[in-house]
Amino acid sequence: MINIVVNGSSVTALSGSWSENIPTLNPNLYNNLARPGSGNRFIAESTIDYLESADLPSLDTLVIVMWTGAHRKDIRFSFDWYKHYKNFY
């Protein structure tokens, strides 16, 4: 049985996306790592981090990534900054 891991931005994360069809394949494990607003750097790093920590057998694991547009940039900020500015956006 195969393990399926998907990642991407809102096109992959939100209700009604293409990724909702994956569980119908009846994988052994299905994990959707996607988050709205994700840039390609976050998508790549979170996929690698998950795969390194999940200890899944590589021959039985399918990873599907839907990259976002190249124009989207990742910006890292502290949680304190987020708490302060979250109401402005």
C-alpha atoms as a PDB file:
ATOM      1  CA  MET A   1       0.000   0.000   0.000  1.00  0.00           C
ATOM      2  CA  ILE A   2       1.280   3.476  -0.846  1.00  0.00           C
ATOM      3  CA  ASN A   3       1.742   6.565   1.338  1.00  0.00           C
ATOM      4  CA  ILE A   4       0.775   9.882  -0.276  1.00  0.00           C
ATOM      5  CA  VAL A   5       2.024  13.290   0.867  1.00  0.00           C
ATOM      6  CA  VAL A   6       0.882  16.480  -0.865  1.00  0.00           C
ATOM      7  CA  ASN A   7       1.981  20.078  -0.407  1.00  0.00           C
ATOM      8  CA  GLY A   8       1.345  23.465  -1.968  1.00  0.00           C
ATOM      9  CA  SER A   9      -0.412  26.759  -1.347  1.00  0.00           C
ATOM     10  CA  SER A  10      -4.127  27.567  -1.082  1.00  0.00           C
ATOM     11  CA  VAL A  11      -4.825  25.830  -4.406  1.00  0.00           C
ATOM     12  CA  THR A  12      -3.917  22.599  -2.619  1.00  0.00           C
ATOM     13  CA  ALA A  13      -5.033  23.433   0.930  1.00  0.00           C
ATOM     14  CA  LEU A  14      -8.564  24.792   0.610  1.00  0.00           C
ATOM     15  CA  SER A  15     -11.827  22.914   0.510  1.00  0.00           C
ATOM     16  CA  GLY A  16     -12.765  21.824  -2.993  1.00  0.00           C
ATOM     17  CA  SER A  17      -9.171  21.599  -4.202  1.00  0.00           C
ATOM     18  CA  TRP A  18      -7.720  18.835  -6.352  1.00  0.00           C
ATOM     19  CA  SER A  19      -6.091  17.296  -3.298  1.00  0.00           C
ATOM     20  CA  GLU A  20      -9.447  16.241  -1.862  1.00  0.00           C
ATOM     21  CA  ASN A  21      -9.576  13.510  -4.514  1.00  0.00           C
ATOM     22  CA  ILE A  22      -6.395  11.813  -3.255  1.00  0.00           C
ATOM     23  CA  PRO A  23      -7.997   9.935  -0.319  1.00  0.00           C
ATOM     24  CA  THR A  24     -10.303   8.153  -2.795  1.00  0.00           C
ATOM     25  CA  LEU A  25      -7.195   6.234  -3.922  1.00  0.00           C
ATOM     26  CA  ASN A  26      -7.231   4.566  -0.484  1.00  0.00           C
ATOM     27  CA  PRO A  27      -3.605   5.199   0.435  1.00  0.00           C
ATOM     28  CA  ASN A  28      -2.105   3.672   3.554  1.00  0.00           C
ATOM     29  CA  LEU A  29      -1.310   7.191   4.756  1.00  0.00           C
ATOM     30  CA  TYR A  30      -2.459  10.542   3.358  1.00  0.00           C
ATOM     31  CA  ASN A  31      -1.074  13.837   4.641  1.00  0.00           C
ATOM     32  CA  ASN A  32      -1.805  17.253   3.144  1.00  0.00           C
ATOM     33  CA  LEU A  33       0.883  19.696   4.315  1.00  0.00           C
ATOM     34  CA  ALA A  34      -0.419  22.626   2.213  1.00  0.00           C
ATOM     35  CA  ARG A  35      -1.075  26.040   3.763  1.00  0.00           C
ATOM     36  CA  PRO A  36      -2.712  29.082   2.159  1.00  0.00           C
ATOM     37  CA  GLY A  37      -0.212  31.809   1.309  1.00  0.00           C
ATOM     38  CA  SER A  38       2.771  29.472   1.158  1.00  0.00           C
ATOM     39  CA  GLY A  39       5.671  30.400  -1.078  1.00  0.00           C
ATOM     40  CA  ASN A  40       7.836  27.859  -2.872  1.00  0.00           C
ATOM     41  CA  ARG A  41      10.578  28.000  -0.264  1.00  0.00           C
ATOM     42  CA  PHE A  42       8.145  27.139   2.531  1.00  0.00           C
ATOM     43  CA  ILE A  43       6.588  24.395   0.417  1.00  0.00           C
ATOM     44  CA  ALA A  44      10.001  22.830  -0.255  1.00  0.00           C
ATOM     45  CA  GLU A  45      11.271  23.143   3.330  1.00  0.00           C
ATOM     46  CA  SER A  46       8.088  21.852   4.959  1.00  0.00           C
ATOM     47  CA  THR A  47       7.996  18.884   2.574  1.00  0.00           C
ATOM     48  CA  ILE A  48      11.613  17.979   3.335  1.00  0.00           C
ATOM     49  CA  ASP A  49      11.137  18.477   7.092  1.00  0.00           C
ATOM     50  CA  TYR A  50       8.079  16.232   7.092  1.00  0.00           C
ATOM     51  CA  LEU A  51       9.716  13.488   5.062  1.00  0.00           C
ATOM     52  CA  GLU A  52      12.817  13.491   7.265  1.00  0.00           C
ATOM     53  CA  SER A  53      10.775  13.224  10.453  1.00  0.00           C
ATOM     54  CA  ALA A  54       8.023  10.861   9.260  1.00  0.00           C
ATOM     55  CA  ASP A  55      10.354   7.938   8.526  1.00  0.00           C
ATOM     56  CA  LEU A  56       8.241   6.681   5.608  1.00  0.00           C
ATOM     57  CA  PRO A  57       9.631   3.999   3.290  1.00  0.00           C
ATOM     58  CA  SER A  58      10.793   5.813   0.160  1.00  0.00           C
ATOM     59  CA  LEU A  59       9.725   3.057  -2.251  1.00  0.00           C
ATOM     60  CA  ASP A  60       6.182   3.169  -0.871  1.00  0.00           C
ATOM     61  CA  THR A  61       5.787   6.950  -0.675  1.00  0.00           C
ATOM     62  CA  LEU A  62       4.472   9.281  -3.369  1.00  0.00           C
ATOM     63  CA  VAL A  63       5.037  13.018  -2.893  1.00  0.00           C
ATOM     64  CA  ILE A  64       2.918  15.411  -4.964  1.00  0.00           C
ATOM     65  CA  VAL A  65       3.781  19.116  -4.889  1.00  0.00           C
ATOM     66  CA  MET A  66       1.819  21.861  -6.616  1.00  0.00           C
ATOM     67  CA  TRP A  67       4.225  24.782  -6.699  1.00  0.00           C
ATOM     68  CA  THR A  68       2.932  28.310  -6.430  1.00  0.00           C
ATOM     69  CA  GLY A  69       3.802  31.177  -8.764  1.00  0.00           C
ATOM     70  CA  ALA A  70       7.442  32.223  -8.944  1.00  0.00           C
ATOM     71  CA  HIS A  71       6.392  35.783  -8.031  1.00  0.00           C
ATOM     72  CA  ARG A  72       5.308  34.749  -4.523  1.00  0.00           C
ATOM     73  CA  LYS A  73       8.016  35.415  -1.943  1.00  0.00           C
ATOM     74  CA  ASP A  74       8.378  33.889   1.490  1.00  0.00           C
ATOM     75  CA  ILE A  75       8.786  36.366   4.326  1.00  0.00           C
ATOM     76  CA  ARG A  76       9.710  35.100   7.783  1.00  0.00           C
ATOM     77  CA  PHE A  77       8.653  37.035  10.845  1.00  0.00           C
ATOM     78  CA  SER A  78       8.332  36.462  14.540  1.00  0.00           C
ATOM     79  CA  PHE A  79       5.116  35.441  16.245  1.00  0.00           C
ATOM     80  CA  ASP A  80       5.168  38.747  18.179  1.00  0.00           C
ATOM     81  CA  TRP A  81       5.128  40.633  14.877  1.00  0.00           C
ATOM     82  CA  TYR A  82       2.249  38.477  13.691  1.00  0.00           C
ATOM     83  CA  LYS A  83       0.194  39.105  16.850  1.00  0.00           C
ATOM     84  CA  HIS A  84       0.748  42.858  16.482  1.00  0.00           C
ATOM     85  CA  TYR A  85      -0.088  43.172  12.768  1.00  0.00           C
ATOM     86  CA  LYS A  86      -2.617  40.376  12.151  1.00  0.00           C
ATOM     87  CA  ASN A  87      -5.569  42.739  12.577  1.00  0.00           C
ATOM     88  CA  PHE A  88      -4.309  45.042   9.813  1.00  0.00           C
ATOM     89  CA  TYR A  89      -4.551  42.399   7.082  1.00  0.00           C
END
